[in-house]
Amino acid sequence: MLGSPLERAGLEASSPQPDTSDLAISTQDAQADPGGAEQPSGTAAEDAEILQASIKAGSVAQIVVAAIAVVGLIYLLKVVLVTIFFSILLAFVLEPLVNQLTRIHIPRPVGALLAVALMVALAGSLTYFFYSRAVDFATQLPKYSGKIRSTLADVRAQANKIEESTRSVIASPNAGKAPLPVEVRESPGLSRLISTGSGTLGEVVLAITFIPFLVYFMLTWKDHAHNSTVRLFPQEHRPVAHRTVARISRMIRSFIAGNALVGLVSAVLSTIVFWRLGIPYFYFLGVISGFFSLVPYLGVFLALLPPLAGGIGVVDKKGVGIILITVVGLHLLSMNVLYPKIVGKRLRLNPLAVTLALLFWAWIWGAMGLLLAVPLVGATKIVCDYIDPLRGFGAWLGD
């Protein structure tokens, strides 16, 4: 029991009471600074924004570094990648022949071996034919040495006149002093050429020896490579991957067949014109000029060199004009009419994207980059069309 009411009252009076003055002061401070409770949350929000900005900057920097690393790797692996992509193009060229052989109950490995052997034999025959024609053509050039020397003499005389007039306008401050003779000795041309190009030539020869084997295995293991490539993706993305690979295959076949058809038309027309002009080895020069015309942008200049060199001492000024009109007209017809109709239906690339691709791949891989740039950018567009984050870039590459 707690006792009487008087004792309970005394206990309540003696118990400590809360300090109301301190409570009042804290209440006044809270009223005086109403935003104090929100200040820590505002600082945390600013810190979160700074952290997100730093993360985005770090991601952009990582993307830039990764892109530079990829470009450097592509440049360093130039010989390997060019060999692989060129072998892929040859495999697509030989695929219809292998399919025809399989339909007549020839095993695919045997059909692929026959196709590769035919390719090697054809390449060797064409190399021997063009080499012999080039040697014959080179032996015929000295007959026109007098005409060549007179033409070069006229050009040299005009150049000397321009040089003298320029020198008279811009006089050298040391014109009164005799120049000191300087003798520069160089190693013989052939030895210097061999010493400087032996490494590159050896790499090219080694890469060429790998091409038949790569083509054979690409033909025999086609289904395995296709299915394994599709299985690299998750189960839900495999149908899209299958359609992407199939569309890239159709694009490459169309690109090869279209280029072969356009080049054949240009070669036949060029050969007929050169034959009518009486240019020696017209069949050899016509084929080279017709297929050189397929090289984007530079093709018209490369296609003019063979007939103009072969027509020295044979054609007159009128013949030179006919050669210029024929080659330039065929190049414009091929690139602006035939090429878009035959090849452009599958590629669907805008001219700006093609030009940038040619510039980039020519800088990375040289002459082979010009040949592989269009199928590479076409395959890139197809991949971007099937990936949601990259569809904008694919639309930019398209027409």
Protein backbone atom coordinates (compact mmCIF):
# COMPACT_ATOMS: atom_id res chain seq x y z
CA MET A 1 0.00 0.00 0.00
CA LEU A 2 1.18 3.56 -0.74
CA GLY A 3 -0.18 5.03 2.46
CA SER A 4 -2.58 7.80 3.08
CA PRO A 5 -3.61 10.45 0.59
CA LEU A 6 -1.36 13.00 2.33
CA GLU A 7 1.70 10.75 1.84
CA ARG A 8 0.87 10.22 -1.85
CA ALA A 9 0.54 13.99 -2.32
CA GLY A 10 3.96 14.48 -0.71
CA LEU A 11 5.59 11.97 -3.06
CA GLU A 12 4.08 13.67 -6.11
CA ALA A 13 5.33 17.06 -4.86
CA SER A 14 8.86 15.74 -4.28
CA SER A 15 9.16 14.01 -7.81
CA PRO A 16 11.19 15.99 -10.45
CA GLN A 17 9.18 18.04 -12.94
CA PRO A 18 10.17 18.72 -16.57
CA ASP A 19 11.90 22.04 -17.27
CA THR A 20 9.29 23.95 -19.23
CA SER A 21 11.69 26.80 -19.91
CA ASP A 22 13.99 24.58 -21.97
CA LEU A 23 11.01 23.23 -23.91
CA ALA A 24 9.85 26.76 -24.64
CA ILE A 25 13.33 27.79 -25.88
CA SER A 26 13.56 24.80 -28.22
CA THR A 27 10.08 25.55 -29.51
CA GLN A 28 11.05 29.17 -30.18
CA ASP A 29 14.21 28.02 -32.02
CA ALA A 30 12.21 25.64 -34.19
CA GLN A 31 9.75 28.43 -35.02
CA ALA A 32 12.56 30.87 -35.75
CA ASP A 33 14.23 28.43 -38.27
CA PRO A 34 11.40 26.63 -40.05
CA GLY A 35 13.68 25.43 -42.89
CA GLY A 36 16.26 23.84 -40.66
CA ALA A 37 14.61 20.42 -40.77
CA GLU A 38 14.76 20.42 -44.63
CA GLN A 39 18.41 21.48 -44.99
CA PRO A 40 19.95 17.97 -44.71
CA SER A 41 17.64 16.56 -47.42
CA GLY A 42 18.56 19.43 -49.82
CA THR A 43 22.27 18.75 -49.33
CA ALA A 44 21.73 15.05 -50.02
CA ALA A 45 19.89 15.88 -53.27
CA GLU A 46 22.78 18.06 -54.43
CA ASP A 47 25.24 15.32 -53.60
CA ALA A 48 23.16 12.82 -55.56
CA GLU A 49 23.10 15.13 -58.61
CA ILE A 50 26.87 15.60 -58.44
CA LEU A 51 27.33 11.84 -58.17
CA GLN A 52 25.08 11.19 -61.18
CA ALA A 53 26.93 13.83 -63.23
CA SER A 54 30.29 12.28 -62.37
CA ILE A 55 28.96 8.82 -63.28
CA LYS A 56 27.74 10.12 -66.66
CA ALA A 57 31.08 11.84 -67.33
CA GLY A 58 32.89 8.64 -66.41
CA SER A 59 30.66 6.62 -68.75
CA VAL A 60 31.30 9.01 -71.64
CA ALA A 61 35.04 8.86 -70.99
CA GLN A 62 34.91 5.06 -70.91
CA ILE A 63 33.02 5.00 -74.22
CA VAL A 64 35.56 7.33 -75.85
CA VAL A 65 38.50 5.27 -74.56
CA ALA A 66 36.81 2.05 -75.70
CA ALA A 67 36.17 3.50 -79.19
CA ILE A 68 39.80 4.59 -79.51
CA ALA A 69 40.95 1.15 -78.36
CA VAL A 70 38.69 -0.57 -80.92
CA VAL A 71 39.95 1.65 -83.75
CA GLY A 72 43.54 0.98 -82.72
CA LEU A 73 42.89 -2.75 -82.56
CA ILE A 74 41.28 -2.71 -86.02
CA TYR A 75 44.30 -0.89 -87.39
CA LEU A 76 46.80 -3.26 -85.77
CA LEU A 77 44.89 -6.34 -86.98
CA LYS A 78 44.58 -4.97 -90.50
CA VAL A 79 46.04 -7.98 -92.32
CA VAL A 80 44.07 -10.51 -90.26
CA LEU A 81 40.71 -8.74 -90.54
CA VAL A 82 41.09 -7.99 -94.25
CA THR A 83 41.94 -11.65 -94.89
CA ILE A 84 38.89 -12.81 -92.92
CA PHE A 85 36.44 -10.41 -94.58
CA PHE A 86 37.82 -11.11 -98.06
CA SER A 87 37.49 -14.84 -97.40
CA ILE A 88 33.88 -14.29 -96.32
CA LEU A 89 33.14 -12.53 -99.62
CA LEU A 90 34.71 -15.38 -101.59
CA ALA A 91 32.75 -17.92 -99.55
CA PHE A 92 29.52 -16.14 -100.50
CA VAL A 93 30.61 -16.18 -104.15
CA LEU A 94 31.21 -19.95 -104.08
CA GLU A 95 28.16 -20.84 -101.98
CA PRO A 96 25.73 -21.20 -104.95
CA LEU A 97 28.14 -23.59 -106.68
CA VAL A 98 28.48 -25.71 -103.54
CA ASN A 99 24.69 -25.82 -103.17
CA GLN A 100 24.32 -27.02 -106.76
CA LEU A 101 26.89 -29.76 -106.15
CA THR A 102 25.06 -30.85 -102.99
CA ARG A 103 21.81 -31.14 -104.93
CA ILE A 104 23.36 -33.75 -107.21
CA HIS A 105 24.28 -35.83 -104.14
CA ILE A 106 27.90 -34.71 -103.81
CA PRO A 107 28.90 -34.37 -100.14
CA ARG A 108 29.31 -30.79 -99.01
CA PRO A 109 33.01 -31.19 -98.02
CA VAL A 110 33.80 -32.62 -101.45
CA GLY A 111 31.78 -29.89 -103.18
CA ALA A 112 33.53 -27.22 -101.16
CA LEU A 113 36.92 -28.71 -102.06
CA LEU A 114 36.02 -28.71 -105.76
CA ALA A 115 34.79 -25.12 -105.57
CA VAL A 116 37.94 -23.91 -103.80
CA ALA A 117 40.15 -25.80 -106.27
CA LEU A 118 38.26 -24.19 -109.15
CA MET A 119 38.70 -20.78 -107.53
CA VAL A 120 42.45 -21.28 -107.11
CA ALA A 121 42.83 -22.52 -110.70
CA LEU A 122 40.82 -19.59 -112.05
CA ALA A 123 42.79 -17.09 -109.97
CA GLY A 124 46.09 -18.61 -111.14
CA SER A 125 45.02 -18.57 -114.79
CA LEU A 126 43.83 -14.97 -114.63
CA THR A 127 47.02 -13.92 -112.85
CA TYR A 128 49.18 -15.60 -115.50
CA PHE A 129 47.10 -14.14 -118.34
CA PHE A 130 47.12 -10.59 -117.03
CA TYR A 131 50.79 -10.81 -116.09
CA SER A 132 51.78 -11.98 -119.57
CA ARG A 133 49.64 -9.29 -121.19
CA ALA A 134 51.19 -6.68 -118.89
CA VAL A 135 54.69 -7.84 -119.82
CA ASP A 136 53.83 -7.70 -123.53
CA PHE A 137 52.32 -4.28 -123.06
CA ALA A 138 55.45 -3.07 -121.26
CA THR A 139 57.69 -4.37 -124.05
CA GLN A 140 55.64 -2.44 -126.61
CA LEU A 141 55.98 0.87 -124.81
CA PRO A 142 59.58 1.59 -125.94
CA LYS A 143 58.29 1.80 -129.52
CA TYR A 144 56.52 4.99 -128.53
CA SER A 145 59.42 6.38 -126.53
CA GLY A 146 59.97 9.24 -129.01
CA LYS A 147 56.33 10.33 -128.75
CA ILE A 148 56.44 10.04 -124.96
CA ARG A 149 59.68 12.05 -124.74
CA SER A 150 58.31 14.81 -126.96
CA THR A 151 55.13 15.02 -124.89
CA LEU A 152 57.09 15.11 -121.66
CA ALA A 153 59.46 17.71 -123.13
CA ASP A 154 56.54 20.02 -123.90
CA VAL A 155 55.19 19.57 -120.37
CA ARG A 156 58.66 20.19 -118.91
CA ALA A 157 59.10 23.35 -120.97
CA GLN A 158 55.80 24.75 -119.74
CA ALA A 159 56.76 23.89 -116.16
CA ASN A 160 60.14 25.63 -116.57
CA LYS A 161 58.43 28.76 -117.85
CA ILE A 162 56.12 28.83 -114.84
CA GLU A 163 59.07 28.25 -112.51
CA GLU A 164 61.11 31.07 -114.07
CA SER A 165 58.22 33.52 -113.88
CA THR A 166 57.59 32.59 -110.25
CA ARG A 167 61.28 32.94 -109.42
CA SER A 168 61.40 36.40 -110.97
CA VAL A 169 58.46 37.55 -108.87
CA ILE A 170 59.72 36.06 -105.60
CA ALA A 171 63.47 36.74 -105.56
CA SER A 172 65.62 34.86 -103.08
CA PRO A 173 67.52 37.06 -100.55
CA ASN A 174 70.67 35.00 -101.16
CA ALA A 175 70.53 35.34 -104.94
CA GLY A 176 74.11 36.73 -105.14
CA LYS A 177 75.68 33.80 -103.30
CA ALA A 178 76.69 30.65 -105.06
CA PRO A 179 74.93 27.57 -103.70
CA LEU A 180 77.03 24.94 -102.02
CA PRO A 181 77.10 21.61 -103.84
CA VAL A 182 75.53 18.79 -101.90
CA GLU A 183 75.81 15.16 -102.94
CA VAL A 184 73.10 12.76 -101.85
CA ARG A 185 73.70 9.08 -102.32
CA GLU A 186 70.92 6.56 -102.16
CA SER A 187 70.94 2.81 -102.30
CA PRO A 188 69.90 1.22 -105.60
CA GLY A 189 66.19 1.37 -106.28
CA LEU A 190 65.53 -2.35 -106.37
CA SER A 191 67.42 -3.11 -103.18
CA ARG A 192 65.80 -0.19 -101.40
CA LEU A 193 62.37 -1.33 -102.56
CA ILE A 194 63.02 -4.88 -101.38
CA SER A 195 64.38 -3.75 -98.02
CA THR A 196 61.50 -1.39 -97.32
CA GLY A 197 58.67 -3.60 -98.60
CA SER A 198 59.85 -7.05 -97.66
CA GLY A 199 57.89 -7.06 -94.40
CA THR A 200 54.62 -5.95 -95.97
CA LEU A 201 55.05 -8.25 -98.97
CA GLY A 202 55.70 -11.22 -96.71
CA GLU A 203 52.57 -10.46 -94.67
CA VAL A 204 50.45 -10.19 -97.83
CA VAL A 205 51.79 -13.48 -99.25
CA LEU A 206 51.18 -15.22 -95.92
CA ALA A 207 47.63 -13.87 -95.78
CA ILE A 208 46.94 -14.99 -99.36
CA THR A 209 48.02 -18.55 -98.54
CA PHE A 210 45.43 -18.65 -95.74
CA ILE A 211 42.52 -17.57 -97.96
CA PRO A 212 41.78 -20.96 -99.64
CA PHE A 213 41.76 -22.75 -96.28
CA LEU A 214 39.51 -20.13 -94.68
CA VAL A 215 37.09 -20.27 -97.61
CA TYR A 216 36.98 -24.09 -97.49
CA PHE A 217 36.23 -24.22 -93.77
CA MET A 218 33.68 -21.42 -94.06
CA LEU A 219 31.86 -23.44 -96.73
CA THR A 220 31.99 -26.78 -94.94
CA TRP A 221 31.15 -25.41 -91.49
CA LYS A 222 28.57 -22.91 -92.67
CA ASP A 223 25.59 -24.37 -90.78
CA HIS A 224 27.62 -24.94 -87.63
CA ALA A 225 28.97 -21.37 -87.67
CA HIS A 226 25.49 -19.96 -88.29
CA ASN A 227 23.84 -21.92 -85.48
CA SER A 228 26.69 -21.27 -83.05
CA THR A 229 26.53 -17.55 -83.76
CA VAL A 230 22.80 -17.50 -83.04
CA ARG A 231 23.30 -19.49 -79.80
CA LEU A 232 25.64 -16.80 -78.49
CA PHE A 233 22.56 -14.69 -77.74
CA PRO A 234 19.95 -15.29 -75.02
CA GLN A 235 16.97 -17.47 -75.86
CA GLU A 236 14.55 -14.56 -76.26
CA HIS A 237 16.89 -12.72 -78.70
CA ARG A 238 17.77 -15.68 -80.93
CA PRO A 239 14.95 -15.14 -83.49
CA VAL A 240 16.12 -11.55 -83.98
CA ALA A 241 19.73 -12.72 -84.29
CA HIS A 242 18.69 -15.33 -86.86
CA ARG A 243 16.88 -12.71 -88.98
CA THR A 244 19.84 -10.31 -88.69
CA VAL A 245 22.36 -12.89 -89.90
CA ALA A 246 20.05 -13.95 -92.75
CA ARG A 247 19.55 -10.35 -93.85
CA ILE A 248 23.30 -9.65 -93.78
CA SER A 249 23.87 -12.76 -95.91
CA ARG A 250 21.33 -11.60 -98.49
CA MET A 251 22.90 -8.14 -98.54
CA ILE A 252 26.40 -9.52 -99.17
CA ARG A 253 25.18 -11.80 -101.97
CA SER A 254 23.37 -8.91 -103.61
CA PHE A 255 26.44 -6.69 -103.24
CA ILE A 256 28.75 -9.25 -104.88
CA ALA A 257 26.36 -10.17 -107.69
CA GLY A 258 25.51 -6.53 -108.39
CA ASN A 259 29.15 -5.45 -108.55
CA ALA A 260 30.03 -8.37 -110.83
CA LEU A 261 27.16 -7.54 -113.20
CA VAL A 262 27.90 -3.80 -113.30
CA GLY A 263 31.62 -4.43 -113.78
CA LEU A 264 30.95 -6.92 -116.58
CA VAL A 265 28.73 -4.42 -118.43
CA SER A 266 31.35 -1.66 -118.10
CA ALA A 267 34.15 -4.03 -119.19
CA VAL A 268 32.28 -5.17 -122.32
CA LEU A 269 31.38 -1.63 -123.40
CA SER A 270 34.92 -0.37 -122.72
CA THR A 271 36.45 -3.25 -124.66
CA ILE A 272 34.24 -2.52 -127.68
CA VAL A 273 35.17 1.18 -127.69
CA PHE A 274 38.90 0.49 -127.26
CA TRP A 275 38.74 -2.08 -130.06
CA ARG A 276 37.14 0.46 -132.40
CA LEU A 277 39.88 2.97 -131.55
CA GLY A 278 42.59 0.44 -132.41
CA ILE A 279 44.19 0.40 -128.96
CA PRO A 280 46.52 -2.60 -128.59
CA TYR A 281 45.49 -5.24 -126.05
CA PHE A 282 42.01 -3.72 -125.97
CA TYR A 283 40.54 -6.87 -124.35
CA PHE A 284 43.05 -6.63 -121.50
CA LEU A 285 42.73 -2.87 -120.98
CA GLY A 286 38.93 -2.94 -121.33
CA VAL A 287 38.48 -5.48 -118.52
CA ILE A 288 40.83 -3.57 -116.20
CA SER A 289 39.20 -0.22 -116.95
CA GLY A 290 35.67 -1.62 -116.55
CA PHE A 291 36.27 -3.14 -113.14
CA PHE A 292 38.45 -0.26 -111.93
CA SER A 293 35.47 1.97 -112.58
CA LEU A 294 33.63 0.22 -109.72
CA VAL A 295 35.97 1.71 -107.12
CA PRO A 296 33.94 4.51 -105.49
CA TYR A 297 35.03 8.07 -106.29
CA LEU A 298 38.56 7.09 -107.34
CA GLY A 299 37.37 4.63 -109.97
CA VAL A 300 37.06 7.15 -112.79
CA PHE A 301 40.73 8.16 -112.47
CA LEU A 302 41.93 4.55 -112.17
CA ALA A 303 39.82 3.53 -115.17
CA LEU A 304 41.36 6.25 -117.37
CA LEU A 305 44.96 5.18 -116.83
CA PRO A 306 45.00 1.85 -118.81
CA PRO A 307 43.43 3.12 -122.07
CA LEU A 308 45.39 6.38 -122.05
CA ALA A 309 48.66 4.51 -121.49
CA GLY A 310 47.81 1.96 -124.18
CA GLY A 311 46.72 4.64 -126.64
CA ILE A 312 50.03 6.54 -126.62
CA GLY A 313 51.17 6.88 -130.23
CA VAL A 314 48.01 5.19 -131.51
CA VAL A 315 45.08 7.52 -130.87
CA ASP A 316 44.95 11.21 -131.68
CA LYS A 317 43.30 14.03 -129.77
CA LYS A 318 39.88 12.94 -131.00
CA GLY A 319 40.55 9.42 -129.74
CA VAL A 320 41.64 10.76 -126.36
CA GLY A 321 38.38 12.68 -126.17
CA ILE A 322 36.41 9.53 -127.01
CA ILE A 323 38.27 7.64 -124.26
CA LEU A 324 37.49 10.37 -121.73
CA ILE A 325 33.81 10.50 -122.69
CA THR A 326 33.49 6.70 -122.66
CA VAL A 327 35.18 6.08 -119.31
CA VAL A 328 33.56 9.02 -117.51
CA GLY A 329 30.15 8.25 -119.04
CA LEU A 330 30.35 4.57 -118.05
CA HIS A 331 31.41 5.50 -114.53
CA LEU A 332 28.50 7.92 -114.14
CA LEU A 333 26.07 5.38 -115.65
CA SER A 334 27.33 2.61 -113.38
CA MET A 335 27.40 4.59 -110.14
CA ASN A 336 24.21 6.63 -110.64
CA VAL A 337 21.91 4.29 -112.61
CA LEU A 338 23.00 0.64 -112.59
CA TYR A 339 24.53 0.50 -109.13
CA PRO A 340 21.50 2.01 -107.29
CA LYS A 341 19.09 -0.18 -109.27
CA ILE A 342 20.97 -3.44 -108.81
CA VAL A 343 22.86 -3.06 -105.53
CA GLY A 344 21.13 -0.17 -103.78
CA LYS A 345 17.87 -2.04 -103.21
CA ARG A 346 19.56 -4.27 -100.64
CA LEU A 347 21.91 -1.74 -99.08
CA ARG A 348 19.67 1.33 -98.71
CA LEU A 349 22.47 3.62 -97.57
CA ASN A 350 22.60 7.37 -97.99
CA PRO A 351 25.55 8.89 -99.92
CA LEU A 352 26.90 10.75 -96.88
CA ALA A 353 27.18 7.54 -94.85
CA VAL A 354 28.88 5.75 -97.76
CA THR A 355 31.36 8.62 -98.22
CA LEU A 356 32.25 8.70 -94.53
CA ALA A 357 32.61 4.92 -94.50
CA LEU A 358 34.92 5.03 -97.52
CA LEU A 359 37.03 7.74 -95.88
CA PHE A 360 37.29 5.86 -92.58
CA TRP A 361 38.04 2.39 -93.95
CA ALA A 362 40.44 3.73 -96.58
CA TRP A 363 42.34 5.46 -93.77
CA ILE A 364 42.36 2.28 -91.69
CA TRP A 365 42.96 -0.40 -94.35
CA GLY A 366 44.03 1.45 -97.49
CA ALA A 367 42.89 0.13 -100.88
CA MET A 368 41.19 -2.94 -99.39
CA GLY A 369 39.23 -0.61 -97.13
CA LEU A 370 37.67 0.99 -100.21
CA LEU A 371 36.50 -2.42 -101.41
CA LEU A 372 35.14 -3.57 -98.04
CA ALA A 373 33.69 -0.26 -96.79
CA VAL A 374 30.26 -0.59 -98.41
CA PRO A 375 29.44 -4.14 -97.18
CA LEU A 376 30.77 -3.27 -93.73
CA VAL A 377 28.59 -0.18 -93.35
CA GLY A 378 25.66 -2.12 -94.84
CA ALA A 379 26.06 -4.85 -92.22
CA THR A 380 26.35 -2.18 -89.52
CA LYS A 381 23.05 -0.65 -90.59
CA ILE A 382 21.30 -4.03 -90.52
CA VAL A 383 22.57 -4.70 -86.99
CA CYS A 384 21.45 -1.25 -85.84
CA ASP A 385 17.98 -1.79 -87.31
CA TYR A 386 17.41 -4.77 -84.98
CA ILE A 387 18.77 -3.18 -81.77
CA ASP A 388 16.43 -0.70 -80.08
CA PRO A 389 19.06 1.72 -78.68
CA LEU A 390 20.81 1.88 -82.08
CA ARG A 391 17.81 2.26 -84.37
CA GLY A 392 18.34 6.00 -84.55
CA PHE A 393 21.87 5.47 -85.86
CA GLY A 394 20.56 2.88 -88.33
CA ALA A 395 17.98 5.37 -89.58
CA TRP A 396 20.75 7.96 -90.01
CA LEU A 397 22.75 5.51 -92.14
CA GLY A 398 19.73 4.67 -94.28
CA ASP A 399 18.28 6.51 -97.22
